[in-house]
């Protein structure tokens, strides 16, 4: 199983912004039903893109600085970072095919 890293406000720069590879960050919360719906899709895509994209999750209830910095107002919100900058954002529980194509576009596949 591909690793999905839990990131916090304090580890965000190191885990995401300084990453050598593109990073997908899943902003979520435990009470969020759509977050729970998309979680298995994110896990499947972490397997498919292992070695190409780093996958991470951030609990917005425990970490408020980073979501605020990136304008996260609704969850689930998935941001794709490349070279330390956000290159795409997907909000809501979307189909796997859409999420996969957005990741491929963001990483140049």
Protein backbone atom coordinates (compact mmCIF):
# COMPACT_ATOMS: atom_id res chain seq x y z
CA UNK A 1 0.00 0.00 0.00
CA UNK A 2 1.31 3.44 -0.92
CA UNK A 3 2.00 5.75 1.98
CA UNK A 4 -0.24 8.76 2.52
CA UNK A 5 1.56 11.20 4.80
CA UNK A 6 -0.35 13.12 7.47
CA UNK A 7 0.86 16.71 7.33
CA UNK A 8 0.39 19.49 9.87
CA UNK A 9 0.89 23.23 9.83
CA UNK A 10 4.39 22.65 11.23
CA UNK A 11 5.40 19.90 8.76
CA UNK A 12 3.74 21.36 5.65
CA UNK A 13 6.76 23.24 4.29
CA UNK A 14 9.08 20.25 4.61
CA UNK A 15 6.62 17.58 3.41
CA UNK A 16 4.91 19.54 0.62
CA UNK A 17 6.67 22.72 -0.44
CA UNK A 18 10.19 21.24 -0.32
CA UNK A 19 9.23 17.89 -1.90
CA UNK A 20 11.26 16.71 -4.88
CA UNK A 21 8.11 15.36 -6.55
CA UNK A 22 4.59 16.75 -7.04
CA UNK A 23 2.37 16.46 -3.95
CA UNK A 24 -1.39 16.04 -3.69
CA UNK A 25 -2.73 17.37 -0.38
CA UNK A 26 -6.18 16.19 0.72
CA UNK A 27 -7.68 18.77 3.09
CA UNK A 28 -10.33 16.92 5.12
CA UNK A 29 -12.10 16.58 8.49
CA UNK A 30 -13.46 13.59 10.39
CA UNK A 31 -17.05 14.91 10.36
CA UNK A 32 -17.06 15.48 6.58
CA UNK A 33 -19.12 12.82 4.74
CA UNK A 34 -17.82 13.74 1.23
CA UNK A 35 -14.26 13.50 2.64
CA UNK A 36 -14.99 9.93 3.67
CA UNK A 37 -16.41 9.21 0.20
CA UNK A 38 -13.29 10.42 -1.61
CA UNK A 39 -10.73 8.87 0.78
CA UNK A 40 -10.74 5.39 -0.88
CA UNK A 41 -10.29 7.05 -4.29
CA UNK A 42 -7.31 9.01 -3.01
CA UNK A 43 -5.85 5.75 -1.61
CA UNK A 44 -6.28 4.00 -4.98
CA UNK A 45 -4.63 6.89 -6.82
CA UNK A 46 -1.75 6.91 -4.32
CA UNK A 47 -1.09 3.32 -5.43
CA UNK A 48 -1.38 4.15 -9.14
CA UNK A 49 0.92 7.18 -8.93
CA UNK A 50 3.43 5.70 -6.44
CA UNK A 51 6.88 7.07 -7.24
CA UNK A 52 5.43 9.91 -9.33
CA UNK A 53 3.28 11.86 -6.86
CA UNK A 54 3.47 12.12 -3.09
CA UNK A 55 0.05 11.91 -1.40
CA UNK A 56 -0.74 13.61 1.89
CA UNK A 57 -3.70 14.52 4.10
CA UNK A 58 -4.28 17.50 6.37
CA UNK A 59 -7.01 17.57 9.02
CA UNK A 60 -8.44 21.10 8.83
CA UNK A 61 -9.85 20.86 12.37
CA UNK A 62 -6.37 20.36 13.83
CA UNK A 63 -4.54 22.69 11.44
CA UNK A 64 -5.98 26.08 10.56
CA UNK A 65 -3.00 28.12 9.33
CA UNK A 66 -2.23 26.22 6.12
CA UNK A 67 -5.84 25.80 4.88
CA UNK A 68 -6.42 29.52 5.51
CA UNK A 69 -3.22 30.43 3.63
CA UNK A 70 -4.41 28.52 0.55
CA UNK A 71 -8.01 29.74 0.71
CA UNK A 72 -9.59 26.42 1.65
CA UNK A 73 -13.24 27.20 2.37
CA UNK A 74 -14.90 23.91 1.50
CA UNK A 75 -13.79 20.32 1.98
CA UNK A 76 -12.79 17.94 0.67
CA UNK A 77 -10.31 20.14 -1.15
CA UNK A 78 -7.44 18.56 -3.04
CA UNK A 79 -4.50 20.77 -3.96
CA UNK A 80 -1.70 19.61 -6.22
CA UNK A 81 1.67 21.25 -5.59
CA UNK A 82 4.64 21.11 -7.92
CA UNK A 83 7.91 22.87 -7.19
CA UNK A 84 6.47 24.35 -4.00
CA UNK A 85 3.50 26.04 -5.69
CA UNK A 86 -0.13 25.00 -6.09
CA UNK A 87 -0.82 24.03 -9.70
CA UNK A 88 -4.39 22.71 -9.41
CA UNK A 89 -7.27 22.56 -6.95
CA UNK A 90 -10.26 20.22 -6.90
CA UNK A 91 -13.10 20.83 -4.43
CA UNK A 92 -15.73 18.26 -3.53
CA UNK A 93 -16.13 14.53 -3.93
CA UNK A 94 -15.38 14.02 -7.61
CA UNK A 95 -15.24 10.82 -9.68
CA UNK A 96 -11.92 8.95 -9.77
CA UNK A 97 -11.60 9.49 -13.52
CA UNK A 98 -11.74 13.27 -13.11
CA UNK A 99 -9.26 13.31 -10.25
CA UNK A 100 -6.88 11.01 -12.15
CA UNK A 101 -6.97 13.18 -15.27
CA UNK A 102 -6.32 16.34 -13.22
CA UNK A 103 -3.31 14.69 -11.55
CA UNK A 104 -1.98 13.56 -14.93
CA UNK A 105 -2.37 17.08 -16.33
CA UNK A 106 -0.68 18.63 -13.30
CA UNK A 107 2.35 16.35 -13.53
CA UNK A 108 2.60 16.50 -17.31
CA UNK A 109 1.51 12.93 -18.18
